[in-house]
N, C-alpha and C. Protein backbone atom coordinates (compact mmCIF):
# COMPACT_ATOMS: atom_id res chain seq x y z
N UNK A 1 18.96 44.11 22.14
CA UNK A 1 19.73 44.21 20.91
C UNK A 1 19.50 42.94 20.10
N UNK A 2 19.25 43.08 18.82
CA UNK A 2 19.03 41.90 17.98
C UNK A 2 20.29 41.04 17.89
N UNK A 3 20.09 39.75 17.77
CA UNK A 3 21.22 38.82 17.76
C UNK A 3 21.64 38.42 16.35
N UNK A 4 20.98 38.93 15.34
CA UNK A 4 21.33 38.59 13.97
C UNK A 4 20.56 37.38 13.46
N UNK A 5 19.72 36.78 14.28
CA UNK A 5 18.91 35.63 13.87
C UNK A 5 17.59 36.12 13.30
N UNK A 6 16.92 35.31 12.52
CA UNK A 6 15.60 35.71 12.00
C UNK A 6 14.64 35.98 13.16
N UNK A 7 13.59 36.71 12.90
CA UNK A 7 12.67 37.21 13.91
C UNK A 7 12.19 36.15 14.91
N UNK A 8 11.74 34.98 14.50
CA UNK A 8 11.22 34.06 15.52
C UNK A 8 12.30 33.57 16.47
N UNK A 9 13.58 33.60 16.04
CA UNK A 9 14.65 33.07 16.86
C UNK A 9 15.51 34.15 17.52
N UNK A 10 15.24 35.39 17.18
CA UNK A 10 16.06 36.48 17.71
C UNK A 10 15.83 36.64 19.20
N UNK A 11 16.88 36.95 19.91
CA UNK A 11 16.78 37.19 21.35
C UNK A 11 16.47 38.67 21.53
N UNK A 12 15.32 38.92 22.04
CA UNK A 12 14.90 40.30 22.24
C UNK A 12 14.78 40.52 23.74
N UNK A 13 15.44 41.54 24.22
CA UNK A 13 15.33 41.83 25.65
C UNK A 13 14.09 42.68 25.87
N UNK A 14 13.45 42.44 26.98
CA UNK A 14 12.27 43.22 27.32
C UNK A 14 12.34 43.60 28.79
N UNK A 15 11.44 44.44 29.19
CA UNK A 15 11.43 44.89 30.58
C UNK A 15 11.04 43.75 31.51
N UNK A 16 10.22 42.81 31.03
CA UNK A 16 9.78 41.71 31.88
C UNK A 16 10.84 40.64 32.02
N UNK A 17 11.74 40.55 31.06
CA UNK A 17 12.77 39.52 31.10
C UNK A 17 14.11 40.20 31.34
N UNK A 18 14.74 39.92 32.47
CA UNK A 18 16.03 40.57 32.73
C UNK A 18 17.09 40.02 31.79
N UNK A 19 17.95 40.88 31.32
CA UNK A 19 19.03 40.42 30.45
C UNK A 19 20.17 39.92 31.31
N UNK A 20 20.92 39.00 30.80
CA UNK A 20 22.09 38.51 31.53
C UNK A 20 21.77 37.25 32.31
N UNK A 21 21.54 37.39 33.58
CA UNK A 21 21.34 36.23 34.45
C UNK A 21 19.90 35.72 34.34
N UNK A 22 19.73 34.64 33.63
CA UNK A 22 18.42 34.03 33.50
C UNK A 22 18.40 32.80 34.38
N UNK A 23 17.46 32.73 35.27
CA UNK A 23 17.36 31.60 36.19
C UNK A 23 16.37 30.60 35.60
N UNK A 24 16.84 29.37 35.42
CA UNK A 24 15.94 28.33 34.92
C UNK A 24 15.34 27.60 36.10
N UNK A 25 14.10 27.20 36.00
CA UNK A 25 13.48 26.49 37.11
C UNK A 25 14.16 25.15 37.33
N UNK A 26 14.25 24.75 38.58
CA UNK A 26 14.88 23.47 38.89
C UNK A 26 13.97 22.34 38.45
N UNK A 27 14.58 21.30 37.86
CA UNK A 27 13.80 20.13 37.45
C UNK A 27 14.37 18.92 38.15
N UNK A 28 13.50 18.01 38.42
CA UNK A 28 13.94 16.76 39.02
C UNK A 28 13.65 15.63 38.04
N UNK A 29 14.10 14.45 38.36
CA UNK A 29 13.86 13.29 37.49
C UNK A 29 12.37 13.04 37.31
N UNK A 30 11.58 13.37 38.32
CA UNK A 30 10.13 13.17 38.23
C UNK A 30 9.52 14.11 37.20
N UNK A 31 10.09 15.31 37.06
CA UNK A 31 9.54 16.28 36.13
C UNK A 31 9.79 15.90 34.68
N UNK A 32 10.87 15.20 34.40
CA UNK A 32 11.21 14.92 33.01
C UNK A 32 10.92 13.48 32.59
N UNK A 33 10.38 12.67 33.47
CA UNK A 33 10.07 11.29 33.13
C UNK A 33 8.83 11.25 32.25
N UNK A 34 8.75 10.28 31.34
CA UNK A 34 7.56 10.18 30.49
C UNK A 34 6.35 9.79 31.33
N UNK A 35 5.18 10.11 30.87
CA UNK A 35 3.98 9.76 31.63
C UNK A 35 3.82 8.25 31.68
N UNK A 36 3.24 7.73 32.75
CA UNK A 36 3.09 6.28 32.85
C UNK A 36 2.09 5.78 31.81
N UNK A 37 2.41 4.68 31.17
CA UNK A 37 1.52 4.10 30.17
C UNK A 37 1.12 2.68 30.56
N UNK A 38 1.64 2.20 31.65
CA UNK A 38 1.30 0.87 32.14
C UNK A 38 1.39 0.89 33.65
N UNK A 39 0.90 -0.16 34.30
CA UNK A 39 0.99 -0.18 35.76
C UNK A 39 2.43 -0.09 36.21
N UNK A 40 2.63 0.51 37.37
CA UNK A 40 3.98 0.59 37.90
C UNK A 40 4.50 -0.80 38.16
N UNK A 41 5.81 -0.96 38.12
CA UNK A 41 6.43 -2.27 38.26
C UNK A 41 6.05 -2.92 39.58
N UNK A 42 6.01 -2.14 40.66
CA UNK A 42 5.72 -2.76 41.95
C UNK A 42 4.25 -3.15 42.06
N UNK A 43 3.38 -2.64 41.16
CA UNK A 43 1.97 -3.03 41.16
C UNK A 43 1.72 -4.32 40.39
N UNK A 44 2.67 -4.74 39.57
CA UNK A 44 2.52 -5.94 38.75
C UNK A 44 3.10 -7.13 39.50
N UNK A 45 2.34 -8.21 39.56
CA UNK A 45 2.80 -9.41 40.24
C UNK A 45 3.44 -10.35 39.24
N UNK A 46 4.35 -11.18 39.70
CA UNK A 46 5.02 -12.14 38.83
C UNK A 46 4.02 -13.09 38.19
N UNK A 47 2.94 -13.43 38.89
CA UNK A 47 1.93 -14.34 38.33
C UNK A 47 1.24 -13.71 37.12
N UNK A 48 1.14 -12.38 37.11
CA UNK A 48 0.52 -11.70 35.98
C UNK A 48 1.39 -11.78 34.73
N UNK A 49 2.69 -11.80 34.91
CA UNK A 49 3.62 -11.81 33.78
C UNK A 49 3.78 -13.22 33.24
N UNK A 50 4.06 -14.16 34.11
CA UNK A 50 4.29 -15.54 33.68
C UNK A 50 3.00 -16.33 33.80
N UNK A 51 2.42 -16.63 32.70
CA UNK A 51 1.20 -17.42 32.67
C UNK A 51 1.59 -18.86 32.39
N UNK A 52 1.02 -19.80 33.14
CA UNK A 52 1.37 -21.21 32.97
C UNK A 52 0.95 -21.76 31.61
N UNK A 53 -0.06 -21.14 30.99
CA UNK A 53 -0.54 -21.66 29.71
C UNK A 53 0.38 -21.29 28.56
N UNK A 54 1.21 -20.26 28.75
CA UNK A 54 2.12 -19.85 27.69
C UNK A 54 3.38 -20.68 27.73
N UNK A 55 3.82 -21.10 26.57
CA UNK A 55 5.08 -21.83 26.49
C UNK A 55 6.16 -20.85 26.10
N UNK A 56 7.34 -21.07 26.62
CA UNK A 56 8.44 -20.20 26.23
C UNK A 56 8.84 -20.55 24.81
N UNK A 57 8.98 -19.53 24.00
CA UNK A 57 9.32 -19.73 22.59
C UNK A 57 10.82 -19.57 22.44
N UNK A 58 11.47 -20.65 22.07
CA UNK A 58 12.90 -20.58 21.80
C UNK A 58 13.10 -20.76 20.31
N UNK A 59 13.86 -19.88 19.70
CA UNK A 59 14.07 -20.00 18.27
C UNK A 59 14.79 -21.30 17.92
N UNK A 60 14.35 -21.87 16.83
CA UNK A 60 14.94 -23.12 16.37
C UNK A 60 16.36 -22.86 15.87
N UNK A 61 17.28 -23.72 16.27
CA UNK A 61 18.66 -23.62 15.81
C UNK A 61 18.79 -24.53 14.59
N UNK A 62 19.26 -23.95 13.50
CA UNK A 62 19.39 -24.70 12.25
C UNK A 62 20.70 -25.49 12.31
N UNK A 63 20.60 -26.78 12.11
CA UNK A 63 21.78 -27.64 12.19
C UNK A 63 22.65 -27.48 10.95
N UNK A 64 23.88 -27.93 11.09
CA UNK A 64 24.82 -27.90 9.97
C UNK A 64 24.33 -28.80 8.84
N UNK A 65 23.75 -29.94 9.22
CA UNK A 65 23.23 -30.87 8.22
C UNK A 65 22.08 -30.25 7.43
N UNK A 66 21.20 -29.54 8.13
CA UNK A 66 20.07 -28.89 7.47
C UNK A 66 20.58 -27.82 6.50
N UNK A 67 21.62 -27.09 6.89
CA UNK A 67 22.17 -26.07 6.00
C UNK A 67 22.81 -26.70 4.76
N UNK A 68 23.47 -27.85 4.94
CA UNK A 68 24.04 -28.55 3.77
C UNK A 68 22.93 -28.97 2.81
N UNK A 69 21.83 -29.45 3.37
CA UNK A 69 20.68 -29.85 2.54
C UNK A 69 20.11 -28.64 1.79
N UNK A 70 20.00 -27.51 2.48
CA UNK A 70 19.50 -26.29 1.85
C UNK A 70 20.42 -25.87 0.71
N UNK A 71 21.73 -25.91 0.93
CA UNK A 71 22.69 -25.53 -0.11
C UNK A 71 22.61 -26.48 -1.31
N UNK A 72 22.44 -27.78 -1.04
CA UNK A 72 22.29 -28.73 -2.16
C UNK A 72 21.04 -28.43 -2.97
N UNK A 73 19.93 -28.17 -2.27
CA UNK A 73 18.68 -27.85 -2.97
C UNK A 73 18.81 -26.57 -3.78
N UNK A 74 19.46 -25.57 -3.22
CA UNK A 74 19.65 -24.32 -3.96
C UNK A 74 20.52 -24.54 -5.19
N UNK A 75 21.53 -25.42 -5.07
CA UNK A 75 22.36 -25.76 -6.24
C UNK A 75 21.54 -26.43 -7.33
N UNK A 76 20.63 -27.31 -6.93
CA UNK A 76 19.76 -27.99 -7.91
C UNK A 76 18.91 -26.95 -8.63
N UNK A 77 18.34 -26.02 -7.88
CA UNK A 77 17.54 -24.96 -8.51
C UNK A 77 18.41 -24.06 -9.38
N UNK A 78 19.65 -23.81 -8.96
CA UNK A 78 20.55 -22.95 -9.73
C UNK A 78 20.89 -23.58 -11.08
N UNK A 79 20.97 -24.89 -11.11
CA UNK A 79 21.30 -25.57 -12.36
C UNK A 79 20.16 -25.55 -13.36
N UNK A 80 18.99 -25.09 -12.94
CA UNK A 80 17.85 -24.94 -13.85
C UNK A 80 17.92 -23.64 -14.64
N UNK A 81 18.87 -22.78 -14.30
CA UNK A 81 19.03 -21.51 -15.01
C UNK A 81 19.54 -21.81 -16.41
N UNK A 82 18.83 -21.34 -17.41
CA UNK A 82 19.16 -21.68 -18.80
C UNK A 82 20.38 -20.94 -19.32
N UNK A 83 20.52 -19.68 -18.99
CA UNK A 83 21.66 -18.88 -19.44
C UNK A 83 22.91 -19.33 -18.68
N UNK A 84 23.88 -19.88 -19.41
CA UNK A 84 25.07 -20.47 -18.78
C UNK A 84 25.91 -19.44 -18.03
N UNK A 85 26.02 -18.23 -18.57
CA UNK A 85 26.80 -17.20 -17.88
C UNK A 85 26.16 -16.84 -16.54
N UNK A 86 24.84 -16.69 -16.56
CA UNK A 86 24.12 -16.38 -15.32
C UNK A 86 24.25 -17.54 -14.35
N UNK A 87 24.14 -18.75 -14.87
CA UNK A 87 24.25 -19.94 -14.03
C UNK A 87 25.63 -20.02 -13.35
N UNK A 88 26.68 -19.76 -14.13
CA UNK A 88 28.04 -19.78 -13.56
C UNK A 88 28.19 -18.73 -12.46
N UNK A 89 27.65 -17.54 -12.71
CA UNK A 89 27.73 -16.46 -11.71
C UNK A 89 26.96 -16.84 -10.45
N UNK A 90 25.78 -17.41 -10.62
CA UNK A 90 24.97 -17.82 -9.47
C UNK A 90 25.70 -18.90 -8.68
N UNK A 91 26.26 -19.89 -9.36
CA UNK A 91 26.98 -20.96 -8.67
C UNK A 91 28.22 -20.42 -7.95
N UNK A 92 28.89 -19.44 -8.56
CA UNK A 92 30.04 -18.82 -7.91
C UNK A 92 29.61 -18.11 -6.62
N UNK A 93 28.49 -17.40 -6.70
CA UNK A 93 27.98 -16.70 -5.51
C UNK A 93 27.47 -17.69 -4.46
N UNK A 94 26.94 -18.81 -4.90
CA UNK A 94 26.50 -19.83 -3.95
C UNK A 94 27.70 -20.43 -3.23
N UNK A 95 28.85 -20.47 -3.91
CA UNK A 95 30.08 -20.91 -3.24
C UNK A 95 30.46 -19.94 -2.11
N UNK A 96 30.22 -18.64 -2.32
CA UNK A 96 30.47 -17.66 -1.26
C UNK A 96 29.56 -17.92 -0.06
N UNK A 97 28.31 -18.27 -0.34
CA UNK A 97 27.38 -18.62 0.74
C UNK A 97 27.86 -19.88 1.46
N UNK A 98 28.34 -20.83 0.68
CA UNK A 98 28.83 -22.09 1.26
C UNK A 98 30.02 -21.82 2.20
N UNK A 99 30.92 -20.93 1.77
CA UNK A 99 32.08 -20.57 2.60
C UNK A 99 31.61 -19.93 3.91
N UNK A 100 30.67 -18.99 3.82
CA UNK A 100 30.15 -18.34 5.03
C UNK A 100 29.48 -19.36 5.95
N UNK A 101 28.79 -20.32 5.36
CA UNK A 101 28.13 -21.36 6.15
C UNK A 101 29.16 -22.24 6.84
N UNK A 102 30.19 -22.65 6.10
CA UNK A 102 31.22 -23.52 6.67
C UNK A 102 31.99 -22.82 7.79
N UNK A 103 32.17 -21.51 7.67
CA UNK A 103 32.88 -20.75 8.71
C UNK A 103 31.94 -20.34 9.85
N UNK A 104 30.67 -20.75 9.74
CA UNK A 104 29.65 -20.44 10.74
C UNK A 104 29.52 -18.92 10.94
N UNK A 105 29.48 -18.18 9.83
CA UNK A 105 29.39 -16.73 9.87
C UNK A 105 27.96 -16.22 9.71
N UNK A 106 27.00 -17.11 9.55
CA UNK A 106 25.61 -16.70 9.34
C UNK A 106 24.85 -16.77 10.66
N UNK A 107 24.07 -15.73 10.93
CA UNK A 107 23.25 -15.77 12.14
C UNK A 107 22.06 -16.70 11.91
N UNK A 108 21.43 -17.09 12.99
CA UNK A 108 20.32 -18.06 12.91
C UNK A 108 19.16 -17.53 12.08
N UNK A 109 18.89 -16.24 12.14
CA UNK A 109 17.78 -15.68 11.38
C UNK A 109 18.03 -15.78 9.88
N UNK A 110 19.26 -15.58 9.44
CA UNK A 110 19.59 -15.74 8.02
C UNK A 110 19.40 -17.20 7.63
N UNK A 111 19.88 -18.11 8.47
CA UNK A 111 19.72 -19.54 8.18
C UNK A 111 18.24 -19.91 8.10
N UNK A 112 17.43 -19.38 9.02
CA UNK A 112 15.99 -19.68 9.01
C UNK A 112 15.35 -19.18 7.72
N UNK A 113 15.74 -17.98 7.29
CA UNK A 113 15.18 -17.44 6.05
C UNK A 113 15.61 -18.27 4.84
N UNK A 114 16.85 -18.74 4.83
CA UNK A 114 17.30 -19.59 3.73
C UNK A 114 16.51 -20.90 3.70
N UNK A 115 16.26 -21.47 4.87
CA UNK A 115 15.46 -22.70 4.94
C UNK A 115 14.05 -22.42 4.42
N UNK A 116 13.47 -21.29 4.81
CA UNK A 116 12.11 -20.95 4.37
C UNK A 116 12.06 -20.71 2.86
N UNK A 117 13.09 -20.08 2.32
CA UNK A 117 13.15 -19.86 0.86
C UNK A 117 13.20 -21.21 0.16
N UNK A 118 14.04 -22.10 0.65
CA UNK A 118 14.19 -23.41 0.03
C UNK A 118 12.89 -24.21 0.12
N UNK A 119 12.24 -24.16 1.28
CA UNK A 119 10.95 -24.86 1.44
C UNK A 119 9.90 -24.29 0.50
N UNK A 120 9.86 -22.97 0.38
CA UNK A 120 8.90 -22.33 -0.51
C UNK A 120 9.16 -22.72 -1.96
N UNK A 121 10.43 -22.82 -2.35
CA UNK A 121 10.76 -23.24 -3.71
C UNK A 121 10.33 -24.69 -3.94
N UNK A 122 10.56 -25.55 -2.96
CA UNK A 122 10.15 -26.95 -3.09
C UNK A 122 8.64 -27.09 -3.20
N UNK A 123 7.91 -26.20 -2.53
CA UNK A 123 6.44 -26.21 -2.58
C UNK A 123 5.92 -25.41 -3.77
N UNK A 124 6.81 -24.85 -4.56
CA UNK A 124 6.49 -24.00 -5.70
C UNK A 124 5.66 -22.78 -5.28
N UNK A 125 5.94 -22.29 -4.10
CA UNK A 125 5.29 -21.08 -3.59
C UNK A 125 6.27 -19.92 -3.80
N UNK A 126 6.27 -19.39 -5.02
CA UNK A 126 7.28 -18.42 -5.41
C UNK A 126 7.04 -17.04 -4.79
N UNK A 127 5.79 -16.73 -4.53
CA UNK A 127 5.49 -15.44 -3.89
C UNK A 127 6.09 -15.43 -2.48
N UNK A 128 5.92 -16.54 -1.76
CA UNK A 128 6.49 -16.63 -0.41
C UNK A 128 8.02 -16.62 -0.48
N UNK A 129 8.59 -17.32 -1.45
CA UNK A 129 10.05 -17.33 -1.60
C UNK A 129 10.56 -15.91 -1.84
N UNK A 130 9.85 -15.16 -2.66
CA UNK A 130 10.24 -13.77 -2.92
C UNK A 130 10.13 -12.91 -1.66
N UNK A 131 9.10 -13.15 -0.86
CA UNK A 131 8.94 -12.37 0.37
C UNK A 131 10.09 -12.64 1.33
N UNK A 132 10.46 -13.92 1.49
CA UNK A 132 11.57 -14.25 2.38
C UNK A 132 12.89 -13.70 1.84
N UNK A 133 13.06 -13.75 0.52
CA UNK A 133 14.27 -13.20 -0.09
C UNK A 133 14.34 -11.69 0.16
N UNK A 134 13.23 -11.01 -0.04
CA UNK A 134 13.19 -9.57 0.16
C UNK A 134 13.51 -9.23 1.63
N UNK A 135 12.93 -9.98 2.55
CA UNK A 135 13.19 -9.75 3.98
C UNK A 135 14.67 -9.96 4.29
N UNK A 136 15.23 -11.00 3.73
CA UNK A 136 16.64 -11.30 3.94
C UNK A 136 17.52 -10.16 3.44
N UNK A 137 17.23 -9.67 2.25
CA UNK A 137 18.06 -8.63 1.64
C UNK A 137 17.89 -7.27 2.34
N UNK A 138 16.72 -7.01 2.89
CA UNK A 138 16.51 -5.74 3.58
C UNK A 138 17.09 -5.79 4.99
N UNK A 139 16.80 -6.86 5.71
CA UNK A 139 17.21 -6.94 7.12
C UNK A 139 18.68 -7.29 7.31
N UNK A 140 19.26 -8.03 6.39
CA UNK A 140 20.64 -8.53 6.56
C UNK A 140 21.49 -8.25 5.33
N UNK A 141 21.32 -7.06 4.76
CA UNK A 141 21.99 -6.74 3.50
C UNK A 141 23.51 -6.91 3.58
N UNK A 142 24.12 -6.43 4.63
CA UNK A 142 25.59 -6.50 4.69
C UNK A 142 26.09 -7.94 4.74
N UNK A 143 25.34 -8.82 5.39
CA UNK A 143 25.75 -10.23 5.47
C UNK A 143 25.46 -11.00 4.19
N UNK A 144 24.44 -10.55 3.45
CA UNK A 144 23.97 -11.31 2.28
C UNK A 144 24.34 -10.67 0.94
N UNK A 145 25.01 -9.54 0.96
CA UNK A 145 25.22 -8.80 -0.29
C UNK A 145 26.03 -9.57 -1.32
N UNK A 146 26.94 -10.43 -0.88
CA UNK A 146 27.79 -11.14 -1.85
C UNK A 146 27.06 -12.27 -2.57
N UNK A 147 26.03 -12.84 -1.97
CA UNK A 147 25.34 -13.98 -2.59
C UNK A 147 23.83 -13.80 -2.68
N UNK A 148 23.28 -12.77 -2.08
CA UNK A 148 21.82 -12.59 -2.02
C UNK A 148 21.17 -12.44 -3.38
N UNK A 149 21.84 -11.75 -4.29
CA UNK A 149 21.23 -11.55 -5.61
C UNK A 149 21.10 -12.86 -6.38
N UNK A 150 21.96 -13.82 -6.08
CA UNK A 150 21.86 -15.11 -6.77
C UNK A 150 20.58 -15.85 -6.37
N UNK A 151 20.10 -15.62 -5.15
CA UNK A 151 18.84 -16.24 -4.74
C UNK A 151 17.70 -15.76 -5.62
N UNK A 152 17.76 -14.49 -5.99
CA UNK A 152 16.73 -13.93 -6.87
C UNK A 152 16.73 -14.65 -8.21
N UNK A 153 17.92 -14.91 -8.77
CA UNK A 153 18.02 -15.64 -10.03
C UNK A 153 17.49 -17.06 -9.87
N UNK A 154 17.78 -17.68 -8.74
CA UNK A 154 17.31 -19.05 -8.49
C UNK A 154 15.79 -19.09 -8.42
N UNK A 155 15.20 -18.12 -7.73
CA UNK A 155 13.74 -18.08 -7.62
C UNK A 155 13.11 -17.89 -8.99
N UNK A 156 13.68 -17.00 -9.78
CA UNK A 156 13.14 -16.77 -11.13
C UNK A 156 13.30 -17.99 -12.02
N UNK A 157 14.42 -18.72 -11.88
CA UNK A 157 14.64 -19.91 -12.69
C UNK A 157 13.68 -21.03 -12.30
N UNK A 158 13.38 -21.14 -11.02
CA UNK A 158 12.47 -22.18 -10.55
C UNK A 158 11.03 -21.88 -10.94
N UNK A 159 10.75 -20.62 -11.11
CA UNK A 159 9.39 -20.19 -11.40
C UNK A 159 9.05 -20.39 -12.87
N UNK A 160 7.89 -20.94 -13.12
CA UNK A 160 7.40 -21.11 -14.48
C UNK A 160 7.05 -19.72 -15.00
N UNK A 161 7.50 -19.37 -16.20
CA UNK A 161 7.22 -18.02 -16.71
C UNK A 161 5.73 -17.72 -16.82
N UNK A 162 4.89 -18.75 -16.91
CA UNK A 162 3.45 -18.54 -17.01
C UNK A 162 2.81 -18.26 -15.65
N UNK A 163 3.56 -18.55 -14.58
CA UNK A 163 3.05 -18.33 -13.22
C UNK A 163 2.89 -16.84 -12.96
N UNK A 164 1.85 -16.46 -12.21
CA UNK A 164 1.74 -15.04 -11.83
C UNK A 164 2.81 -14.69 -10.81
N UNK A 165 3.39 -13.53 -10.97
CA UNK A 165 4.41 -13.06 -10.04
C UNK A 165 3.78 -12.06 -9.11
N UNK A 166 4.41 -11.84 -7.96
CA UNK A 166 3.85 -10.83 -7.07
C UNK A 166 4.09 -9.44 -7.67
N UNK A 167 3.34 -8.46 -7.21
CA UNK A 167 3.34 -7.12 -7.81
C UNK A 167 4.70 -6.45 -7.81
N UNK A 168 5.48 -6.65 -6.77
CA UNK A 168 6.79 -6.00 -6.68
C UNK A 168 7.70 -6.49 -7.80
N UNK A 169 7.59 -7.76 -8.15
CA UNK A 169 8.43 -8.31 -9.21
C UNK A 169 7.98 -7.80 -10.57
N UNK A 170 6.67 -7.72 -10.78
CA UNK A 170 6.15 -7.21 -12.05
C UNK A 170 6.63 -5.79 -12.29
N UNK A 171 6.64 -5.00 -11.22
CA UNK A 171 7.04 -3.60 -11.34
C UNK A 171 8.52 -3.44 -11.63
N UNK A 172 9.35 -4.44 -11.26
CA UNK A 172 10.78 -4.37 -11.52
C UNK A 172 11.10 -4.64 -12.98
N UNK A 173 10.30 -5.45 -13.62
CA UNK A 173 10.59 -5.87 -15.00
C UNK A 173 10.37 -4.78 -16.00
């Protein structure tokens, strides 16, 4: 008897398939495990994993002093904004960043990106500053939404209008 579903999904009883009690084949964990793509764990030796030539990479922890320096540098760049209304808004948003920094609410990756943005601005590498800003806004939008847009204004203010911009920025204008 048709089940009311379209043809490919309709349950059709046939002489080969008994209706009612359908027995499914038993499966074990071995049957449903993904195929091996690497040596089994017991085949791998600890010496193979830990190589003496490799150094353990520990992420750098950004100090409170370094963050204060970054905030001061960003304020200096913010004061280069010619439009006073935009400048006031950027400085207000930078105060929100300062509050988050003082309350230690920023994760290390956000701090690292802010340091990289500031370093790129100091080196006048605006394409790199834009890349770090974009990464920050995409990866940490909820944490950066209150002050992240002000970084964009700071980057644009620091950038000489005659400088070439990266393609993503040209397309936004």
